[in-house]
Amino acid sequence: MPRLPVVSGADAVRALERLGFVVIRQRGSHIILRRASQGCVVPNHRELKTGTLSGVLKQAGVSVEEFIGALKA
């Protein structure tokens, strides 16, 4: 399994949007995204810690490989 890259919250949201997620709403610095029945909450920080990003991907049901591919696209 490849290592998680260090990305900002905005970069993570862009990558998840490429994977079919849609921004539902934002409250403060937390952006809520949804794809069908899957949902996730992404903190809009300058830099997401690897544990936080891992939790977001687990919530979203997205593999690390898929996420990295969407980041590069």
N, C-alpha and C. Protein backbone atom coordinates (compact mmCIF):
# COMPACT_ATOMS: atom_id res chain seq x y z
N MET A 1 0.84 -1.18 0.00
CA MET A 1 0.00 0.00 0.00
C MET A 1 0.89 1.24 0.00
N PRO A 2 0.65 2.17 -0.92
CA PRO A 2 1.48 3.38 -0.97
C PRO A 2 1.20 4.29 0.22
N ARG A 3 2.19 5.10 0.54
CA ARG A 3 2.04 6.04 1.64
C ARG A 3 1.09 7.16 1.26
N LEU A 4 0.40 7.68 2.25
CA LEU A 4 -0.51 8.79 2.02
C LEU A 4 0.29 10.07 1.81
N PRO A 5 -0.06 10.85 0.80
CA PRO A 5 0.64 12.12 0.58
C PRO A 5 0.15 13.17 1.57
N VAL A 6 0.95 14.20 1.76
CA VAL A 6 0.54 15.33 2.58
C VAL A 6 -0.18 16.32 1.67
N VAL A 7 -1.47 16.53 1.92
CA VAL A 7 -2.28 17.41 1.08
C VAL A 7 -3.07 18.36 1.97
N SER A 8 -3.59 19.41 1.36
CA SER A 8 -4.47 20.33 2.08
C SER A 8 -5.90 19.80 2.01
N GLY A 9 -6.77 20.38 2.82
CA GLY A 9 -8.17 19.99 2.79
C GLY A 9 -8.81 20.28 1.44
N ALA A 10 -8.44 21.43 0.84
CA ALA A 10 -9.00 21.79 -0.47
C ALA A 10 -8.57 20.79 -1.55
N ASP A 11 -7.30 20.35 -1.49
CA ASP A 11 -6.82 19.35 -2.45
C ASP A 11 -7.56 18.03 -2.28
N ALA A 12 -7.81 17.65 -1.03
CA ALA A 12 -8.53 16.40 -0.76
C ALA A 12 -9.96 16.48 -1.29
N VAL A 13 -10.61 17.64 -1.11
CA VAL A 13 -11.98 17.81 -1.61
C VAL A 13 -11.99 17.73 -3.13
N ARG A 14 -11.03 18.36 -3.80
CA ARG A 14 -10.95 18.31 -5.27
C ARG A 14 -10.78 16.87 -5.76
N ALA A 15 -9.91 16.11 -5.10
CA ALA A 15 -9.69 14.72 -5.51
C ALA A 15 -10.95 13.89 -5.30
N LEU A 16 -11.64 14.10 -4.18
CA LEU A 16 -12.87 13.34 -3.93
C LEU A 16 -13.98 13.73 -4.91
N GLU A 17 -14.01 15.00 -5.33
CA GLU A 17 -14.99 15.41 -6.34
C GLU A 17 -14.72 14.71 -7.67
N ARG A 18 -13.45 14.50 -8.00
CA ARG A 18 -13.11 13.76 -9.22
C ARG A 18 -13.57 12.32 -9.14
N LEU A 19 -13.70 11.79 -7.92
CA LEU A 19 -14.15 10.41 -7.72
C LEU A 19 -15.67 10.31 -7.61
N GLY A 20 -16.38 11.43 -7.83
CA GLY A 20 -17.83 11.38 -7.85
C GLY A 20 -18.52 11.94 -6.63
N PHE A 21 -17.79 12.46 -5.65
CA PHE A 21 -18.40 13.05 -4.47
C PHE A 21 -18.87 14.46 -4.79
N VAL A 22 -19.90 14.91 -4.08
CA VAL A 22 -20.46 16.24 -4.26
C VAL A 22 -20.46 16.94 -2.91
N VAL A 23 -20.06 18.21 -2.90
CA VAL A 23 -20.09 18.99 -1.66
C VAL A 23 -21.55 19.28 -1.32
N ILE A 24 -21.98 18.85 -0.14
CA ILE A 24 -23.35 19.05 0.32
C ILE A 24 -23.46 20.37 1.07
N ARG A 25 -22.56 20.57 2.03
CA ARG A 25 -22.58 21.80 2.82
C ARG A 25 -21.24 21.97 3.52
N GLN A 26 -21.09 23.15 4.15
CA GLN A 26 -19.89 23.44 4.92
C GLN A 26 -20.31 24.16 6.18
N ARG A 27 -19.75 23.75 7.29
CA ARG A 27 -20.00 24.43 8.55
C ARG A 27 -18.65 24.71 9.19
N GLY A 28 -18.28 25.96 9.23
CA GLY A 28 -16.96 26.31 9.75
C GLY A 28 -15.91 25.79 8.79
N SER A 29 -14.97 25.02 9.33
CA SER A 29 -13.90 24.50 8.48
C SER A 29 -14.13 23.05 8.07
N HIS A 30 -15.34 22.54 8.26
CA HIS A 30 -15.63 21.15 7.91
C HIS A 30 -16.54 21.10 6.68
N ILE A 31 -16.07 20.40 5.64
CA ILE A 31 -16.80 20.27 4.38
C ILE A 31 -17.39 18.87 4.33
N ILE A 32 -18.70 18.78 4.10
CA ILE A 32 -19.39 17.49 4.06
C ILE A 32 -19.62 17.13 2.60
N LEU A 33 -19.16 15.93 2.22
CA LEU A 33 -19.32 15.44 0.85
C LEU A 33 -20.15 14.16 0.87
N ARG A 34 -20.81 13.88 -0.26
CA ARG A 34 -21.63 12.67 -0.35
C ARG A 34 -21.55 12.10 -1.76
N ARG A 35 -21.55 10.78 -1.82
CA ARG A 35 -21.65 10.04 -3.09
C ARG A 35 -22.56 8.85 -2.81
N ALA A 36 -23.76 8.90 -3.38
CA ALA A 36 -24.80 7.87 -3.13
C ALA A 36 -25.02 7.77 -1.62
N SER A 37 -24.77 6.62 -1.01
CA SER A 37 -24.99 6.48 0.43
C SER A 37 -23.72 6.73 1.23
N GLN A 38 -22.58 6.89 0.54
CA GLN A 38 -21.30 7.15 1.22
C GLN A 38 -21.16 8.64 1.48
N GLY A 39 -20.68 8.99 2.65
CA GLY A 39 -20.43 10.38 2.97
C GLY A 39 -19.14 10.51 3.76
N CYS A 40 -18.59 11.71 3.77
CA CYS A 40 -17.39 11.95 4.55
C CYS A 40 -17.29 13.43 4.90
N VAL A 41 -16.51 13.71 5.93
CA VAL A 41 -16.29 15.07 6.40
C VAL A 41 -14.82 15.37 6.27
N VAL A 42 -14.49 16.45 5.54
CA VAL A 42 -13.09 16.84 5.32
C VAL A 42 -12.84 18.17 6.01
N PRO A 43 -11.87 18.22 6.94
CA PRO A 43 -11.53 19.51 7.53
C PRO A 43 -10.76 20.35 6.52
N ASN A 44 -11.13 21.60 6.37
CA ASN A 44 -10.50 22.49 5.39
C ASN A 44 -9.28 23.15 6.03
N HIS A 45 -8.23 22.36 6.24
CA HIS A 45 -7.00 22.86 6.84
C HIS A 45 -5.92 22.98 5.79
N ARG A 46 -4.88 23.73 6.11
CA ARG A 46 -3.76 23.91 5.18
C ARG A 46 -3.05 22.59 4.89
N GLU A 47 -2.94 21.77 5.92
CA GLU A 47 -2.26 20.48 5.78
C GLU A 47 -2.99 19.45 6.63
N LEU A 48 -3.43 18.35 6.00
CA LEU A 48 -4.10 17.28 6.74
C LEU A 48 -3.05 16.29 7.23
N LYS A 49 -3.15 15.90 8.49
CA LYS A 49 -2.26 14.88 9.01
C LYS A 49 -2.63 13.54 8.38
N THR A 50 -1.67 12.65 8.32
CA THR A 50 -1.91 11.38 7.62
C THR A 50 -3.02 10.57 8.29
N GLY A 51 -3.11 10.61 9.61
CA GLY A 51 -4.18 9.88 10.30
C GLY A 51 -5.55 10.44 9.98
N THR A 52 -5.64 11.77 9.88
CA THR A 52 -6.90 12.42 9.53
C THR A 52 -7.31 12.05 8.12
N LEU A 53 -6.36 12.12 7.18
CA LEU A 53 -6.65 11.77 5.79
C LEU A 53 -7.04 10.30 5.68
N SER A 54 -6.39 9.45 6.43
CA SER A 54 -6.73 8.03 6.42
C SER A 54 -8.17 7.82 6.90
N GLY A 55 -8.57 8.54 7.94
CA GLY A 55 -9.94 8.44 8.44
C GLY A 55 -10.96 8.93 7.43
N VAL A 56 -10.63 10.01 6.73
CA VAL A 56 -11.53 10.55 5.70
C VAL A 56 -11.72 9.52 4.59
N LEU A 57 -10.63 8.91 4.15
CA LEU A 57 -10.72 7.91 3.07
C LEU A 57 -11.50 6.69 3.53
N LYS A 58 -11.35 6.31 4.79
CA LYS A 58 -12.09 5.17 5.32
C LYS A 58 -13.58 5.49 5.36
N GLN A 59 -13.93 6.71 5.80
CA GLN A 59 -15.33 7.15 5.81
C GLN A 59 -15.91 7.12 4.40
N ALA A 60 -15.12 7.57 3.43
CA ALA A 60 -15.58 7.69 2.06
C ALA A 60 -15.61 6.34 1.34
N GLY A 61 -14.92 5.35 1.87
CA GLY A 61 -14.85 4.06 1.19
C GLY A 61 -13.97 4.11 -0.04
N VAL A 62 -12.92 4.92 0.02
CA VAL A 62 -12.00 5.11 -1.12
C VAL A 62 -10.64 4.53 -0.74
N SER A 63 -10.03 3.79 -1.65
CA SER A 63 -8.70 3.24 -1.37
C SER A 63 -7.64 4.32 -1.57
N VAL A 64 -6.48 4.08 -0.99
CA VAL A 64 -5.37 5.04 -1.11
C VAL A 64 -4.95 5.17 -2.57
N GLU A 65 -4.93 4.06 -3.30
CA GLU A 65 -4.54 4.08 -4.71
C GLU A 65 -5.50 4.93 -5.54
N GLU A 66 -6.80 4.76 -5.30
CA GLU A 66 -7.81 5.56 -6.01
C GLU A 66 -7.60 7.05 -5.73
N PHE A 67 -7.38 7.37 -4.45
CA PHE A 67 -7.22 8.76 -4.04
C PHE A 67 -5.99 9.39 -4.69
N ILE A 68 -4.88 8.67 -4.68
CA ILE A 68 -3.65 9.19 -5.30
C ILE A 68 -3.84 9.38 -6.80
N GLY A 69 -4.54 8.45 -7.44
CA GLY A 69 -4.83 8.59 -8.87
C GLY A 69 -5.67 9.82 -9.16
N ALA A 70 -6.65 10.11 -8.29
CA ALA A 70 -7.50 11.28 -8.48
C ALA A 70 -6.73 12.57 -8.19
N LEU A 71 -5.76 12.51 -7.30
CA LEU A 71 -4.93 13.70 -7.03
C LEU A 71 -4.10 14.07 -8.25
N LYS A 72 -3.58 13.06 -8.93
CA LYS A 72 -2.70 13.31 -10.08
C LYS A 72 -3.48 13.68 -11.32
N ALA A 73 -4.77 13.33 -11.37
CA ALA A 73 -5.59 13.60 -12.57
C ALA A 73 -5.87 15.07 -12.76
